[in-house]
Each structure stands twice: as structure tokens, then as C-alpha cells.
C-alpha atoms as a PDB file:
ATOM      1  CA  MET A   1     -16.303 -17.831  23.657  1.00  0.00           C
ATOM      2  CA  THR A   2     -14.998 -16.593  20.315  1.00  0.00           C
ATOM      3  CA  PRO A   3     -11.270 -17.247  19.865  1.00  0.00           C
ATOM      4  CA  PRO A   4      -9.043 -14.165  19.462  1.00  0.00           C
ATOM      5  CA  ILE A   5      -8.460 -12.963  15.904  1.00  0.00           C
ATOM      6  CA  VAL A   6      -5.101 -11.564  14.794  1.00  0.00           C
ATOM      7  CA  PHE A   7      -4.806  -9.273  11.788  1.00  0.00           C
ATOM      8  CA  PRO A   8      -1.856  -8.954   9.400  1.00  0.00           C
ATOM      9  CA  ASP A   9       0.299  -5.834   9.169  1.00  0.00           C
ATOM     10  CA  ALA A  10      -1.670  -4.150   6.392  1.00  0.00           C
ATOM     11  CA  ALA A  11       1.122  -1.829   5.232  1.00  0.00           C
ATOM     12  CA  ALA A  12       3.603  -4.717   5.035  1.00  0.00           C
ATOM     13  CA  VAL A  13       1.127  -6.944   3.169  1.00  0.00           C
ATOM     14  CA  VAL A  14       0.393  -4.239   0.594  1.00  0.00           C
ATOM     15  CA  ALA A  15       4.072  -3.245   0.264  1.00  0.00           C
ATOM     16  CA  ASP A  16       5.100  -6.870  -0.351  1.00  0.00           C
ATOM     17  CA  TYR A  17       2.318  -7.277  -2.907  1.00  0.00           C
ATOM     18  CA  LEU A  18       3.165  -4.056  -4.757  1.00  0.00           C
ATOM     19  CA  ARG A  19       6.910  -4.824  -4.750  1.00  0.00           C
ATOM     20  CA  ALA A  20       6.361  -8.163  -6.482  1.00  0.00           C
ATOM     21  CA  ARG A  21       3.674  -6.981  -8.898  1.00  0.00           C
ATOM     22  CA  LEU A  22       5.466  -3.742  -9.869  1.00  0.00           C
ATOM     23  CA  ALA A  23       8.580  -5.790 -10.694  1.00  0.00           C
ATOM     24  CA  GLU A  24       6.444  -8.126 -12.841  1.00  0.00           C
ATOM     25  CA  HIS A  25       5.262  -5.049 -14.746  1.00  0.00           C
ATOM     26  CA  GLY A  26       8.745  -3.654 -15.406  1.00  0.00           C
ATOM     27  CA  GLN A  27       9.026  -1.386 -12.342  1.00  0.00           C
ATOM     28  CA  PRO A  28      11.481  -3.109  -9.949  1.00  0.00           C
ATOM     29  CA  VAL A  29      11.484  -0.190  -7.493  1.00  0.00           C
ATOM     30  CA  HIS A  30      11.972  -0.164  -3.737  1.00  0.00           C
ATOM     31  CA  VAL A  31       8.600  -0.568  -2.003  1.00  0.00           C
ATOM     32  CA  GLY A  32       8.431  -0.374   1.780  1.00  0.00           C
ATOM     33  CA  THR A  33       6.891   1.244   4.812  1.00  0.00           C
ATOM     34  CA  ARG A  34       9.678   3.804   5.257  1.00  0.00           C
ATOM     35  CA  VAL A  35      11.572   6.203   3.032  1.00  0.00           C
ATOM     36  CA  PRO A  36      14.817   4.389   2.196  1.00  0.00           C
ATOM     37  CA  SER A  37      18.223   5.856   2.959  1.00  0.00           C
ATOM     38  CA  PRO A  38      19.857   6.645   0.683  1.00  0.00           C
ATOM     39  CA  ARG A  39      16.863   7.641  -1.396  1.00  0.00           C
ATOM     40  CA  PRO A  40      16.627   6.052  -4.827  1.00  0.00           C
ATOM     41  CA  THR A  41      15.170   8.116  -7.662  1.00  0.00           C
ATOM     42  CA  SER A  42      11.952   6.091  -7.761  1.00  0.00           C
ATOM     43  CA  PHE A  43      10.303   4.295  -4.865  1.00  0.00           C
ATOM     44  CA  VAL A  44       6.971   3.630  -3.159  1.00  0.00           C
ATOM     45  CA  ARG A  45       6.056   4.007   0.507  1.00  0.00           C
ATOM     46  CA  VAL A  46       2.958   2.412   2.033  1.00  0.00           C
ATOM     47  CA  GLU A  47       1.826   3.681   5.442  1.00  0.00           C
ATOM     48  CA  ARG A  48      -1.182   2.877   7.584  1.00  0.00           C
ATOM     49  CA  ILE A  49      -2.821   6.149   8.590  1.00  0.00           C
ATOM     50  CA  GLY A  50      -5.921   4.835  10.305  1.00  0.00           C
ATOM     51  CA  GLY A  51      -8.909   2.650   9.785  1.00  0.00           C
ATOM     52  CA  ALA A  52     -10.649   0.327  12.204  1.00  0.00           C
ATOM     53  CA  GLN A  53     -11.724  -3.207  12.806  1.00  0.00           C
ATOM     54  CA  ARG A  54     -15.002  -3.595  10.886  1.00  0.00           C
ATOM     55  CA  ASP A  55     -16.213  -6.792  12.559  1.00  0.00           C
ATOM     56  CA  VAL A  56     -14.830  -9.787  14.446  1.00  0.00           C
ATOM     57  CA  VAL A  57     -12.800 -11.064  11.485  1.00  0.00           C
ATOM     58  CA  THR A  58     -12.302  -7.968   9.276  1.00  0.00           C
ATOM     59  CA  ASP A  59      -9.819  -5.118   9.640  1.00  0.00           C
ATOM     60  CA  ARG A  60     -10.358  -2.065   7.417  1.00  0.00           C
ATOM     61  CA  PRO A  61      -7.080  -0.106   7.389  1.00  0.00           C
ATOM     62  CA  ARG A  62      -6.691   3.198   5.585  1.00  0.00           C
ATOM     63  CA  LEU A  63      -3.372   3.300   3.759  1.00  0.00           C
ATOM     64  CA  ASP A  64      -1.438   6.145   2.174  1.00  0.00           C
ATOM     65  CA  VAL A  65       0.529   5.140  -0.908  1.00  0.00           C
ATOM     66  CA  HIS A  66       3.215   7.595  -2.011  1.00  0.00           C
ATOM     67  CA  CYS A  67       5.154   7.194  -5.271  1.00  0.00           C
ATOM     68  CA  TRP A  68       8.339   9.123  -6.027  1.00  0.00           C
ATOM     69  CA  GLY A  69       9.894   9.478  -9.474  1.00  0.00           C
ATOM     70  CA  SER A  70      12.686  11.293 -11.262  1.00  0.00           C
ATOM     71  CA  THR A  71      10.089  13.503 -12.979  1.00  0.00           C
ATOM     72  CA  GLU A  72       6.432  14.329 -12.375  1.00  0.00           C
ATOM     73  CA  GLU A  73       5.554  12.100 -15.321  1.00  0.00           C
ATOM     74  CA  ALA A  74       7.553   9.167 -13.914  1.00  0.00           C
ATOM     75  CA  ALA A  75       6.004   9.593 -10.449  1.00  0.00           C
ATOM     76  CA  HIS A  76       2.545   9.829 -12.027  1.00  0.00           C
ATOM     77  CA  ASP A  77       3.066   6.705 -14.143  1.00  0.00           C
ATOM     78  CA  LEU A  78       4.324   4.737 -11.134  1.00  0.00           C
ATOM     79  CA  MET A  79       1.281   5.893  -9.139  1.00  0.00           C
ATOM     80  CA  GLN A  80      -1.127   4.872 -11.891  1.00  0.00           C
ATOM     81  CA  LEU A  81       0.410   1.393 -12.096  1.00  0.00           C
ATOM     82  CA  ALA A  82       0.344   0.994  -8.299  1.00  0.00           C
ATOM     83  CA  ARG A  83      -3.265   2.215  -8.279  1.00  0.00           C
ATOM     84  CA  ALA A  84      -4.304  -0.357 -10.890  1.00  0.00           C
ATOM     85  CA  LEU A  85      -2.534  -3.165  -9.026  1.00  0.00           C
ATOM     86  CA  LEU A  86      -4.125  -2.180  -5.709  1.00  0.00           C
ATOM     87  CA  GLY A  87      -7.557  -2.511  -7.244  1.00  0.00           C
ATOM     88  CA  ALA A  88      -6.751  -6.116  -8.113  1.00  0.00           C
ATOM     89  CA  ILE A  89      -5.154  -7.264  -4.828  1.00  0.00           C
ATOM     90  CA  PRO A  90      -6.444 -10.762  -4.058  1.00  0.00           C
ATOM     91  CA  GLY A  91      -4.518 -11.186  -0.865  1.00  0.00           C
ATOM     92  CA  TRP A  92      -0.882 -11.913  -0.388  1.00  0.00           C
ATOM     93  CA  ARG A  93       1.146 -14.544   1.435  1.00  0.00           C
ATOM     94  CA  GLY A  94      -1.673 -15.842   3.563  1.00  0.00           C
ATOM     95  CA  ALA A  95      -3.562 -12.570   4.008  1.00  0.00           C
ATOM     96  CA  THR A  96      -6.987 -12.415   2.372  1.00  0.00           C
ATOM     97  CA  ALA A  97      -7.714  -8.968   0.958  1.00  0.00           C
ATOM     98  CA  TYR A  98     -10.954  -7.785  -0.590  1.00  0.00           C
ATOM     99  CA  ASP A  99     -13.137  -4.710  -1.021  1.00  0.00           C
ATOM    100  CA  VAL A 100     -10.541  -2.070  -1.932  1.00  0.00           C
ATOM    101  CA  ASP A 101     -11.885   1.497  -2.056  1.00  0.00           C
ATOM    102  CA  GLU A 102      -9.999   4.590  -3.110  1.00  0.00           C
ATOM    103  CA  VAL A 103     -10.708   7.292  -0.535  1.00  0.00           C
ATOM    104  CA  GLY A 104      -8.283   9.916  -1.809  1.00  0.00           C
ATOM    105  CA  GLY A 105      -7.420  10.039  -5.485  1.00  0.00           C
ATOM    106  CA  PRO A 106      -3.927  10.566  -6.850  1.00  0.00           C
ATOM    107  CA  ASN A 107      -2.567  14.026  -6.241  1.00  0.00           C
ATOM    108  CA  LEU A 108       0.777  15.681  -6.832  1.00  0.00           C
ATOM    109  CA  LEU A 109       2.479  16.204  -3.497  1.00  0.00           C
ATOM    110  CA  PRO A 110       6.122  17.289  -3.993  1.00  0.00           C
ATOM    111  CA  ASP A 111       8.376  15.952  -1.253  1.00  0.00           C
ATOM    112  CA  PRO A 112       9.059  18.789   1.225  1.00  0.00           C
ATOM    113  CA  ALA A 113      12.446  17.342   2.212  1.00  0.00           C
ATOM    114  CA  SER A 114      13.876  16.867  -1.274  1.00  0.00           C
ATOM    115  CA  SER A 115      11.468  18.642  -3.683  1.00  0.00           C
ATOM    116  CA  SER A 116      11.329  15.330  -5.567  1.00  0.00           C
ATOM    117  CA  PRO A 117       8.166  14.681  -7.582  1.00  0.00           C
ATOM    118  CA  ARG A 118       5.744  12.548  -5.579  1.00  0.00           C
ATOM    119  CA  TYR A 119       2.171  11.414  -6.064  1.00  0.00           C
ATOM    120  CA  ALA A 120      -0.039  10.155  -3.251  1.00  0.00           C
ATOM    121  CA  LEU A 121      -3.336   8.344  -2.920  1.00  0.00           C
ATOM    122  CA  ALA A 122      -5.272   6.780  -0.065  1.00  0.00           C
ATOM    123  CA  VAL A 123      -7.134   3.482  -0.049  1.00  0.00           C
ATOM    124  CA  GLU A 124      -9.131   1.453   2.408  1.00  0.00           C
ATOM    125  CA  ILE A 125      -8.806  -2.293   2.118  1.00  0.00           C
ATOM    126  CA  SER A 126     -10.569  -5.068   3.991  1.00  0.00           C
ATOM    127  CA  LEU A 127      -8.269  -7.750   5.388  1.00  0.00           C
ATOM    128  CA  ARG A 128      -9.469 -10.943   6.969  1.00  0.00           C
ATOM    129  CA  GLY A 129      -7.899 -11.936  10.275  1.00  0.00           C
ATOM    130  CA  LYS A 130      -6.892 -15.394  11.447  1.00  0.00           C
ATOM    131  CA  SER A 131      -8.109 -17.218  14.511  1.00  0.00           C
ATOM    132  CA  LEU A 132      -5.584 -17.907  17.252  1.00  0.00           C
ATOM    133  CA  ALA A 133      -7.517 -21.045  18.216  1.00  0.00           C
ATOM    134  CA  THR A 134      -5.307 -24.095  18.272  1.00  0.00           C
END
């Protein structure tokens, strides 16, 4: 019998990765899975919006990545940096990531609650699970 496989929290893995890498590239913004309160001027939210287990050891989540900025240009630039970093994700803190595909390109999506400039994109990323066998 095949041992059970557990998959990482994809949104948390990607948020942690982006937080560290954005800071390394001069953008030390809040990155999380929820909109922070109070809202900073610039931040990134990563949310799982679907996807499915591809095979016994591979999860293929679809993630929305939203980037807010003080201006459309700032939100756009933050999105483009996050987009570039996502394409290079090797895995993060024990999670193996590979095969990143953009399934919805960057688009301007002003925040309906605050009218703040926001860009969004969607990606699918393959994450390898871990065996629960002892």
C-alpha cells in the first residue's frame, strides 16, 4: 500500500518565498494570504483559488497573486518583480516547487474597497508532497 502523501500550503509557501525574495530585491513589502489591517500602501496577497492533485506526489494549485501600490506604476512594477521571481521559484523551506505556468497575465484590477491601484495575475505551480511513512 502506498503511504499517504501530505502537500504543503501552497499559498503560504509562495508568500514566504516572495516575501524573502522581494526584500532581497529592494521591496520589503508585506506579503501574505490576507489583506493586512491596517492596509499599507504596498503589499502582496497570495491566495489559492483552485487546482488539483496531479498525481500521487504532485499538487498543482492555481494561485492568484495581487499586488497593491501607491500608484498604478508602483503596483505594476511590484507585480512585474513578483512575476519574475515566481518564474524562478525552486522550492522553499522544504517544499519542492517546479513547473510554474502563468494562466492569467497581469491585469489592472483596482481594489473595489479602497480604489487603490492593484495588479493581479494567476499561476499554476507544481508542488511535490511528502510521504507520511515513518
